[in-house]
Amino acid sequence: MKSEKHIKITGYSNLSWKDAIVRSIEEASKTLENLTEVKVLSQSAKIQSNKIIEYSVDLEIIFQIQSAEPKLISSDDSDSL
């Protein structure tokens, strides 16, 4: 059976929205396995003195959940009463 999990993260960059997206995916991949998709939910930026000083993106990261193999009970694993 195939299952996926969706999480929302926010990424930041001083360079661009694209950089914020790429860095966020790189960071997420350090702790999450089987990343399959990213959706950009929103983009915003902080402005100071009429210049963008920080780009931010809200992302939905999607990854597959690996189902655990069912544990087979051997005769050694059964309780002896």
PDB file of N, CA and C in Angstrom:
ATOM      1  N   MET A   1       0.837  -1.178   0.000  1.00  0.00           N
ATOM      2  CA  MET A   1       0.000   0.000   0.000  1.00  0.00           C
ATOM      3  C   MET A   1       0.884   1.244   0.000  1.00  0.00           C
ATOM      4  N   LYS A   2       0.455   2.251  -0.711  1.00  0.00           N
ATOM      5  CA  LYS A   2       1.202   3.503  -0.814  1.00  0.00           C
ATOM      6  C   LYS A   2       0.501   4.571   0.016  1.00  0.00           C
ATOM      7  N   SER A   3       1.283   5.264   0.835  1.00  0.00           N
ATOM      8  CA  SER A   3       0.750   6.372   1.632  1.00  0.00           C
ATOM      9  C   SER A   3       1.743   7.520   1.570  1.00  0.00           C
ATOM     10  N   GLU A   4       1.225   8.733   1.673  1.00  0.00           N
ATOM     11  CA  GLU A   4       2.105   9.898   1.707  1.00  0.00           C
ATOM     12  C   GLU A   4       1.705  10.807   2.848  1.00  0.00           C
ATOM     13  N   LYS A   5       2.671  11.593   3.267  1.00  0.00           N
ATOM     14  CA  LYS A   5       2.438  12.564   4.330  1.00  0.00           C
ATOM     15  C   LYS A   5       2.714  13.947   3.762  1.00  0.00           C
ATOM     16  N   HIS A   6       1.930  14.925   4.200  1.00  0.00           N
ATOM     17  CA  HIS A   6       2.070  16.315   3.761  1.00  0.00           C
ATOM     18  C   HIS A   6       2.408  17.150   4.989  1.00  0.00           C
ATOM     19  N   ILE A   7       3.463  17.943   4.872  1.00  0.00           N
ATOM     20  CA  ILE A   7       3.799  18.857   5.961  1.00  0.00           C
ATOM     21  C   ILE A   7       3.999  20.252   5.377  1.00  0.00           C
ATOM     22  N   LYS A   8       3.784  21.247   6.206  1.00  0.00           N
ATOM     23  CA  LYS A   8       3.965  22.634   5.787  1.00  0.00           C
ATOM     24  C   LYS A   8       5.214  23.184   6.460  1.00  0.00           C
ATOM     25  N   ILE A   9       6.068  23.818   5.663  1.00  0.00           N
ATOM     26  CA  ILE A   9       7.262  24.458   6.204  1.00  0.00           C
ATOM     27  C   ILE A   9       7.381  25.856   5.616  1.00  0.00           C
ATOM     28  N   THR A  10       8.133  26.707   6.281  1.00  0.00           N
ATOM     29  CA  THR A  10       8.414  28.053   5.790  1.00  0.00           C
ATOM     30  C   THR A  10       9.919  28.187   5.635  1.00  0.00           C
ATOM     31  N   GLY A  11      10.338  28.650   4.458  1.00  0.00           N
ATOM     32  CA  GLY A  11      11.761  28.836   4.181  1.00  0.00           C
ATOM     33  C   GLY A  11      12.077  30.304   3.949  1.00  0.00           C
ATOM     34  N   TYR A  12      13.336  30.660   4.202  1.00  0.00           N
ATOM     35  CA  TYR A  12      13.764  32.055   4.100  1.00  0.00           C
ATOM     36  C   TYR A  12      15.066  32.152   3.308  1.00  0.00           C
ATOM     37  N   SER A  13      15.249  33.286   2.648  1.00  0.00           N
ATOM     38  CA  SER A  13      16.497  33.558   1.936  1.00  0.00           C
ATOM     39  C   SER A  13      16.667  35.066   1.806  1.00  0.00           C
ATOM     40  N   ASN A  14      17.913  35.487   1.772  1.00  0.00           N
ATOM     41  CA  ASN A  14      18.213  36.889   1.499  1.00  0.00           C
ATOM     42  C   ASN A  14      18.401  37.147   0.003  1.00  0.00           C
ATOM     43  N   LEU A  15      18.411  36.052  -0.805  1.00  0.00           N
ATOM     44  CA  LEU A  15      18.689  36.177  -2.237  1.00  0.00           C
ATOM     45  C   LEU A  15      17.441  36.211  -3.115  1.00  0.00           C
ATOM     46  N   SER A  16      16.560  35.199  -2.951  1.00  0.00           N
ATOM     47  CA  SER A  16      15.396  35.102  -3.842  1.00  0.00           C
ATOM     48  C   SER A  16      14.396  34.082  -3.304  1.00  0.00           C
ATOM     49  N   TRP A  17      13.194  34.080  -3.901  1.00  0.00           N
ATOM     50  CA  TRP A  17      12.212  33.070  -3.537  1.00  0.00           C
ATOM     51  C   TRP A  17      12.700  31.694  -3.971  1.00  0.00           C
ATOM     52  N   LYS A  18      13.301  31.615  -5.144  1.00  0.00           N
ATOM     53  CA  LYS A  18      13.820  30.334  -5.621  1.00  0.00           C
ATOM     54  C   LYS A  18      14.855  29.775  -4.647  1.00  0.00           C
ATOM     55  N   ASP A  19      15.740  30.616  -4.166  1.00  0.00           N
ATOM     56  CA  ASP A  19      16.753  30.178  -3.208  1.00  0.00           C
ATOM     57  C   ASP A  19      16.094  29.682  -1.915  1.00  0.00           C
ATOM     58  N   ALA A  20      15.048  30.356  -1.477  1.00  0.00           N
ATOM     59  CA  ALA A  20      14.331  29.927  -0.272  1.00  0.00           C
ATOM     60  C   ALA A  20      13.712  28.545  -0.483  1.00  0.00           C
ATOM     61  N   ILE A  21      13.171  28.301  -1.657  1.00  0.00           N
ATOM     62  CA  ILE A  21      12.579  26.994  -1.970  1.00  0.00           C
ATOM     63  C   ILE A  21      13.651  25.911  -1.987  1.00  0.00           C
ATOM     64  N   VAL A  22      14.727  26.161  -2.716  1.00  0.00           N
ATOM     65  CA  VAL A  22      15.798  25.169  -2.850  1.00  0.00           C
ATOM     66  C   VAL A  22      16.418  24.848  -1.492  1.00  0.00           C
ATOM     67  N   ARG A  23      16.695  25.857  -0.700  1.00  0.00           N
ATOM     68  CA  ARG A  23      17.294  25.629   0.624  1.00  0.00           C
ATOM     69  C   ARG A  23      16.350  24.876   1.549  1.00  0.00           C
ATOM     70  N   SER A  24      15.066  25.167   1.469  1.00  0.00           N
ATOM     71  CA  SER A  24      14.085  24.477   2.303  1.00  0.00           C
ATOM     72  C   SER A  24      14.012  22.994   1.966  1.00  0.00           C
ATOM     73  N   ILE A  25      14.036  22.685   0.684  1.00  0.00           N
ATOM     74  CA  ILE A  25      14.012  21.285   0.263  1.00  0.00           C
ATOM     75  C   ILE A  25      15.284  20.578   0.721  1.00  0.00           C
ATOM     76  N   GLU A  26      16.416  21.239   0.587  1.00  0.00           N
ATOM     77  CA  GLU A  26      17.683  20.647   1.038  1.00  0.00           C
ATOM     78  C   GLU A  26      17.642  20.365   2.541  1.00  0.00           C
ATOM     79  N   GLU A  27      17.122  21.300   3.324  1.00  0.00           N
ATOM     80  CA  GLU A  27      17.036  21.105   4.772  1.00  0.00           C
ATOM     81  C   GLU A  27      16.065  19.983   5.118  1.00  0.00           C
ATOM     82  N   ALA A  28      14.913  19.979   4.469  1.00  0.00           N
ATOM     83  CA  ALA A  28      13.912  18.944   4.746  1.00  0.00           C
ATOM     84  C   ALA A  28      14.450  17.554   4.423  1.00  0.00           C
ATOM     85  N   SER A  29      15.242  17.457   3.361  1.00  0.00           N
ATOM     86  CA  SER A  29      15.763  16.147   2.952  1.00  0.00           C
ATOM     87  C   SER A  29      16.797  15.594   3.934  1.00  0.00           C
ATOM     88  N   LYS A  30      17.277  16.421   4.843  1.00  0.00           N
ATOM     89  CA  LYS A  30      18.227  15.939   5.857  1.00  0.00           C
ATOM     90  C   LYS A  30      17.533  15.074   6.911  1.00  0.00           C
ATOM     91  N   THR A  31      16.252  15.317   7.139  1.00  0.00           N
ATOM     92  CA  THR A  31      15.539  14.565   8.168  1.00  0.00           C
ATOM     93  C   THR A  31      14.354  13.774   7.634  1.00  0.00           C
ATOM     94  N   LEU A  32      13.954  14.019   6.400  1.00  0.00           N
ATOM     95  CA  LEU A  32      12.836  13.301   5.794  1.00  0.00           C
ATOM     96  C   LEU A  32      13.331  12.495   4.605  1.00  0.00           C
ATOM     97  N   GLU A  33      12.796  11.300   4.441  1.00  0.00           N
ATOM     98  CA  GLU A  33      13.172  10.458   3.309  1.00  0.00           C
ATOM     99  C   GLU A  33      12.031  10.402   2.305  1.00  0.00           C
ATOM    100  N   ASN A  34      12.368  10.044   1.090  1.00  0.00           N
ATOM    101  CA  ASN A  34      11.388   9.808   0.026  1.00  0.00           C
ATOM    102  C   ASN A  34      10.551  11.033  -0.322  1.00  0.00           C
ATOM    103  N   LEU A  35      11.198  12.225  -0.382  1.00  0.00           N
ATOM    104  CA  LEU A  35      10.480  13.421  -0.815  1.00  0.00           C
ATOM    105  C   LEU A  35      10.026  13.216  -2.258  1.00  0.00           C
ATOM    106  N   THR A  36       8.778  13.567  -2.539  1.00  0.00           N
ATOM    107  CA  THR A  36       8.247  13.342  -3.882  1.00  0.00           C
ATOM    108  C   THR A  36       7.733  14.605  -4.563  1.00  0.00           C
ATOM    109  N   GLU A  37       7.362  15.611  -3.762  1.00  0.00           N
ATOM    110  CA  GLU A  37       6.730  16.786  -4.373  1.00  0.00           C
ATOM    111  C   GLU A  37       6.822  17.978  -3.436  1.00  0.00           C
ATOM    112  N   VAL A  38       6.823  19.156  -4.031  1.00  0.00           N
ATOM    113  CA  VAL A  38       6.743  20.387  -3.256  1.00  0.00           C
ATOM    114  C   VAL A  38       5.705  21.291  -3.929  1.00  0.00           C
ATOM    115  N   LYS A  39       4.875  21.921  -3.119  1.00  0.00           N
ATOM    116  CA  LYS A  39       3.904  22.886  -3.613  1.00  0.00           C
ATOM    117  C   LYS A  39       4.190  24.220  -2.948  1.00  0.00           C
ATOM    118  N   VAL A  40       4.295  25.265  -3.738  1.00  0.00           N
ATOM    119  CA  VAL A  40       4.482  26.604  -3.194  1.00  0.00           C
ATOM    120  C   VAL A  40       3.096  27.138  -2.844  1.00  0.00           C
ATOM    121  N   LEU A  41       2.871  27.336  -1.560  1.00  0.00           N
ATOM    122  CA  LEU A  41       1.571  27.805  -1.088  1.00  0.00           C
ATOM    123  C   LEU A  41       1.482  29.327  -1.115  1.00  0.00           C
ATOM    124  N   SER A  42       2.580  29.996  -0.736  1.00  0.00           N
ATOM    125  CA  SER A  42       2.592  31.455  -0.774  1.00  0.00           C
ATOM    126  C   SER A  42       4.027  31.964  -0.752  1.00  0.00           C
ATOM    127  N   GLN A  43       4.175  33.189  -1.186  1.00  0.00           N
ATOM    128  CA  GLN A  43       5.471  33.870  -1.186  1.00  0.00           C
ATOM    129  C   GLN A  43       5.257  35.253  -0.595  1.00  0.00           C
ATOM    130  N   SER A  44       6.254  35.701   0.170  1.00  0.00           N
ATOM    131  CA  SER A  44       6.200  37.063   0.695  1.00  0.00           C
ATOM    132  C   SER A  44       7.621  37.563   0.873  1.00  0.00           C
ATOM    133  N   ALA A  45       7.733  38.830   1.184  1.00  0.00           N
ATOM    134  CA  ALA A  45       9.061  39.408   1.370  1.00  0.00           C
ATOM    135  C   ALA A  45       8.981  40.551   2.372  1.00  0.00           C
ATOM    136  N   LYS A  46      10.073  40.712   3.122  1.00  0.00           N
ATOM    137  CA  LYS A  46      10.196  41.858   4.027  1.00  0.00           C
ATOM    138  C   LYS A  46      10.925  42.959   3.281  1.00  0.00           C
ATOM    139  N   ILE A  47      10.444  44.187   3.469  1.00  0.00           N
ATOM    140  CA  ILE A  47      11.027  45.349   2.789  1.00  0.00           C
ATOM    141  C   ILE A  47      11.564  46.316   3.828  1.00  0.00           C
ATOM    142  N   GLN A  48      12.745  46.834   3.532  1.00  0.00           N
ATOM    143  CA  GLN A  48      13.352  47.851   4.391  1.00  0.00           C
ATOM    144  C   GLN A  48      14.030  48.875   3.484  1.00  0.00           C
ATOM    145  N   SER A  49      13.767  50.135   3.711  1.00  0.00           N
ATOM    146  CA  SER A  49      14.318  51.223   2.883  1.00  0.00           C
ATOM    147  C   SER A  49      14.061  50.981   1.398  1.00  0.00           C
ATOM    148  N   ASN A  50      12.824  50.572   1.097  1.00  0.00           N
ATOM    149  CA  ASN A  50      12.376  50.334  -0.277  1.00  0.00           C
ATOM    150  C   ASN A  50      13.120  49.207  -0.988  1.00  0.00           C
ATOM    151  N   LYS A  51      13.745  48.302  -0.239  1.00  0.00           N
ATOM    152  CA  LYS A  51      14.434  47.155  -0.832  1.00  0.00           C
ATOM    153  C   LYS A  51      14.005  45.884  -0.117  1.00  0.00           C
ATOM    154  N   ILE A  52      13.933  44.795  -0.877  1.00  0.00           N
ATOM    155  CA  ILE A  52      13.625  43.507  -0.266  1.00  0.00           C
ATOM    156  C   ILE A  52      14.843  43.049   0.520  1.00  0.00           C
ATOM    157  N   ILE A  53      14.615  42.731   1.798  1.00  0.00           N
ATOM    158  CA  ILE A  53      15.730  42.269   2.629  1.00  0.00           C
ATOM    159  C   ILE A  53      15.617  40.779   2.969  1.00  0.00           C
ATOM    160  N   GLU A  54      14.412  40.216   2.807  1.00  0.00           N
ATOM    161  CA  GLU A  54      14.238  38.789   3.077  1.00  0.00           C
ATOM    162  C   GLU A  54      13.043  38.242   2.304  1.00  0.00           C
ATOM    163  N   TYR A  55      13.274  37.126   1.625  1.00  0.00           N
ATOM    164  CA  TYR A  55      12.224  36.415   0.897  1.00  0.00           C
ATOM    165  C   TYR A  55      11.773  35.239   1.749  1.00  0.00           C
ATOM    166  N   SER A  56      10.465  34.971   1.751  1.00  0.00           N
ATOM    167  CA  SER A  56       9.985  33.796   2.464  1.00  0.00           C
ATOM    168  C   SER A  56       8.953  33.059   1.610  1.00  0.00           C
ATOM    169  N   VAL A  57       8.922  31.742   1.789  1.00  0.00           N
ATOM    170  CA  VAL A  57       7.985  30.888   1.064  1.00  0.00           C
ATOM    171  C   VAL A  57       7.346  29.902   2.037  1.00  0.00           C
ATOM    172  N   ASP A  58       6.049  29.715   1.883  1.00  0.00           N
ATOM    173  CA  ASP A  58       5.352  28.654   2.600  1.00  0.00           C
ATOM    174  C   ASP A  58       5.213  27.502   1.621  1.00  0.00           C
ATOM    175  N   LEU A  59       5.704  26.337   2.038  1.00  0.00           N
ATOM    176  CA  LEU A  59       5.732  25.174   1.165  1.00  0.00           C
ATOM    177  C   LEU A  59       4.978  24.012   1.786  1.00  0.00           C
ATOM    178  N   GLU A  60       4.394  23.208   0.932  1.00  0.00           N
ATOM    179  CA  GLU A  60       3.861  21.921   1.348  1.00  0.00           C
ATOM    180  C   GLU A  60       4.818  20.874   0.791  1.00  0.00           C
ATOM    181  N   ILE A  61       5.455  20.132   1.673  1.00  0.00           N
ATOM    182  CA  ILE A  61       6.390  19.090   1.286  1.00  0.00           C
ATOM    183  C   ILE A  61       5.662  17.754   1.400  1.00  0.00           C
ATOM    184  N   ILE A  62       5.775  16.948   0.365  1.00  0.00           N
ATOM    185  CA  ILE A  62       5.089  15.660   0.342  1.00  0.00           C
ATOM    186  C   ILE A  62       6.146  14.559   0.249  1.00  0.00           C
ATOM    187  N   PHE A  63       5.975  13.539   1.089  1.00  0.00           N
ATOM    188  CA  PHE A  63       6.903  12.411   1.030  1.00  0.00           C
ATOM    189  C   PHE A  63       6.145  11.116   1.276  1.00  0.00           C
ATOM    190  N   GLN A  64       6.697  10.034   0.735  1.00  0.00           N
ATOM    191  CA  GLN A  64       6.056   8.739   0.884  1.00  0.00           C
ATOM    192  C   GLN A  64       6.416   8.124   2.224  1.00  0.00           C
ATOM    193  N   ILE A  65       5.419   7.497   2.816  1.00  0.00           N
ATOM    194  CA  ILE A  65       5.617   6.793   4.068  1.00  0.00           C
ATOM    195  C   ILE A  65       5.870   5.337   3.716  1.00  0.00           C
ATOM    196  N   GLN A  66       6.956   4.815   4.221  1.00  0.00           N
ATOM    197  CA  GLN A  66       7.251   3.411   3.976  1.00  0.00           C
ATOM    198  C   GLN A  66       6.527   2.578   5.013  1.00  0.00           C
ATOM    199  N   SER A  67       5.722   1.660   4.531  1.00  0.00           N
ATOM    200  CA  SER A  67       5.004   0.809   5.473  1.00  0.00           C
ATOM    201  C   SER A  67       5.955  -0.244   6.032  1.00  0.00           C
ATOM    202  N   ALA A  68       5.786  -0.511   7.288  1.00  0.00           N
ATOM    203  CA  ALA A  68       6.630  -1.503   7.952  1.00  0.00           C
ATOM    204  C   ALA A  68       6.220  -2.896   7.483  1.00  0.00           C
ATOM    205  N   GLU A  69       7.207  -3.730   7.314  1.00  0.00           N
ATOM    206  CA  GLU A  69       6.934  -5.111   6.957  1.00  0.00           C
ATOM    207  C   GLU A  69       6.264  -5.792   8.139  1.00  0.00           C
ATOM    208  N   PRO A  70       5.233  -6.591   7.878  1.00  0.00           N
ATOM    209  CA  PRO A  70       4.598  -7.278   9.009  1.00  0.00           C
ATOM    210  C   PRO A  70       5.584  -8.249   9.660  1.00  0.00           C
ATOM    211  N   LYS A  71       5.573  -8.242  10.963  1.00  0.00           N
ATOM    212  CA  LYS A  71       6.484  -9.100  11.704  1.00  0.00           C
ATOM    213  C   LYS A  71       5.912 -10.511  11.759  1.00  0.00           C
ATOM    214  N   LEU A  72       6.718 -11.451  11.347  1.00  0.00           N
ATOM    215  CA  LEU A  72       6.304 -12.847  11.405  1.00  0.00           C
ATOM    216  C   LEU A  72       6.693 -13.398  12.766  1.00  0.00           C
ATOM    217  N   ILE A  73       5.776 -14.080  13.384  1.00  0.00           N
ATOM    218  CA  ILE A  73       6.044 -14.653  14.704  1.00  0.00           C
ATOM    219  C   ILE A  73       6.560 -16.075  14.500  1.00  0.00           C
ATOM    220  N   SER A  74       7.741 -16.289  14.989  1.00  0.00           N
ATOM    221  CA  SER A  74       8.304 -17.648  14.909  1.00  0.00           C
ATOM    222  C   SER A  74       7.988 -18.373  16.194  1.00  0.00           C
ATOM    223  N   SER A  75       8.249 -19.651  16.187  1.00  0.00           N
ATOM    224  CA  SER A  75       7.971 -20.444  17.395  1.00  0.00           C
ATOM    225  C   SER A  75       8.835 -19.992  18.558  1.00  0.00           C
ATOM    226  N   ASP A  76      10.002 -19.384  18.279  1.00  0.00           N
ATOM    227  CA  ASP A  76      10.871 -18.886  19.341  1.00  0.00           C
ATOM    228  C   ASP A  76      10.318 -17.621  19.998  1.00  0.00           C
ATOM    229  N   ASP A  77       9.485 -16.869  19.258  1.00  0.00           N
ATOM    230  CA  ASP A  77       8.938 -15.617  19.762  1.00  0.00           C
ATOM    231  C   ASP A  77       7.688 -15.813  20.616  1.00  0.00           C
ATOM    232  N   SER A  78       7.069 -16.964  20.545  1.00  0.00           N
ATOM    233  CA  SER A  78       5.809 -17.166  21.284  1.00  0.00           C
ATOM    234  C   SER A  78       6.096 -17.360  22.763  1.00  0.00           C
ATOM    235  N   ASP A  79       5.157 -16.925  23.561  1.00  0.00           N
ATOM    236  CA  ASP A  79       5.291 -17.057  25.016  1.00  0.00           C
ATOM    237  C   ASP A  79       5.097 -18.521  25.409  1.00  0.00           C
ATOM    238  N   SER A  80       5.934 -18.981  26.265  1.00  0.00           N
ATOM    239  CA  SER A  80       5.793 -20.344  26.791  1.00  0.00           C
ATOM    240  C   SER A  80       5.203 -20.233  28.186  1.00  0.00           C
ATOM    241  N   LEU A  81       4.051 -20.794  28.357  1.00  0.00           N
ATOM    242  CA  LEU A  81       3.424 -20.765  29.671  1.00  0.00           C
ATOM    243  C   LEU A  81       3.416 -22.132  30.278  1.00  0.00           C
TER     244      LEU A  81
END
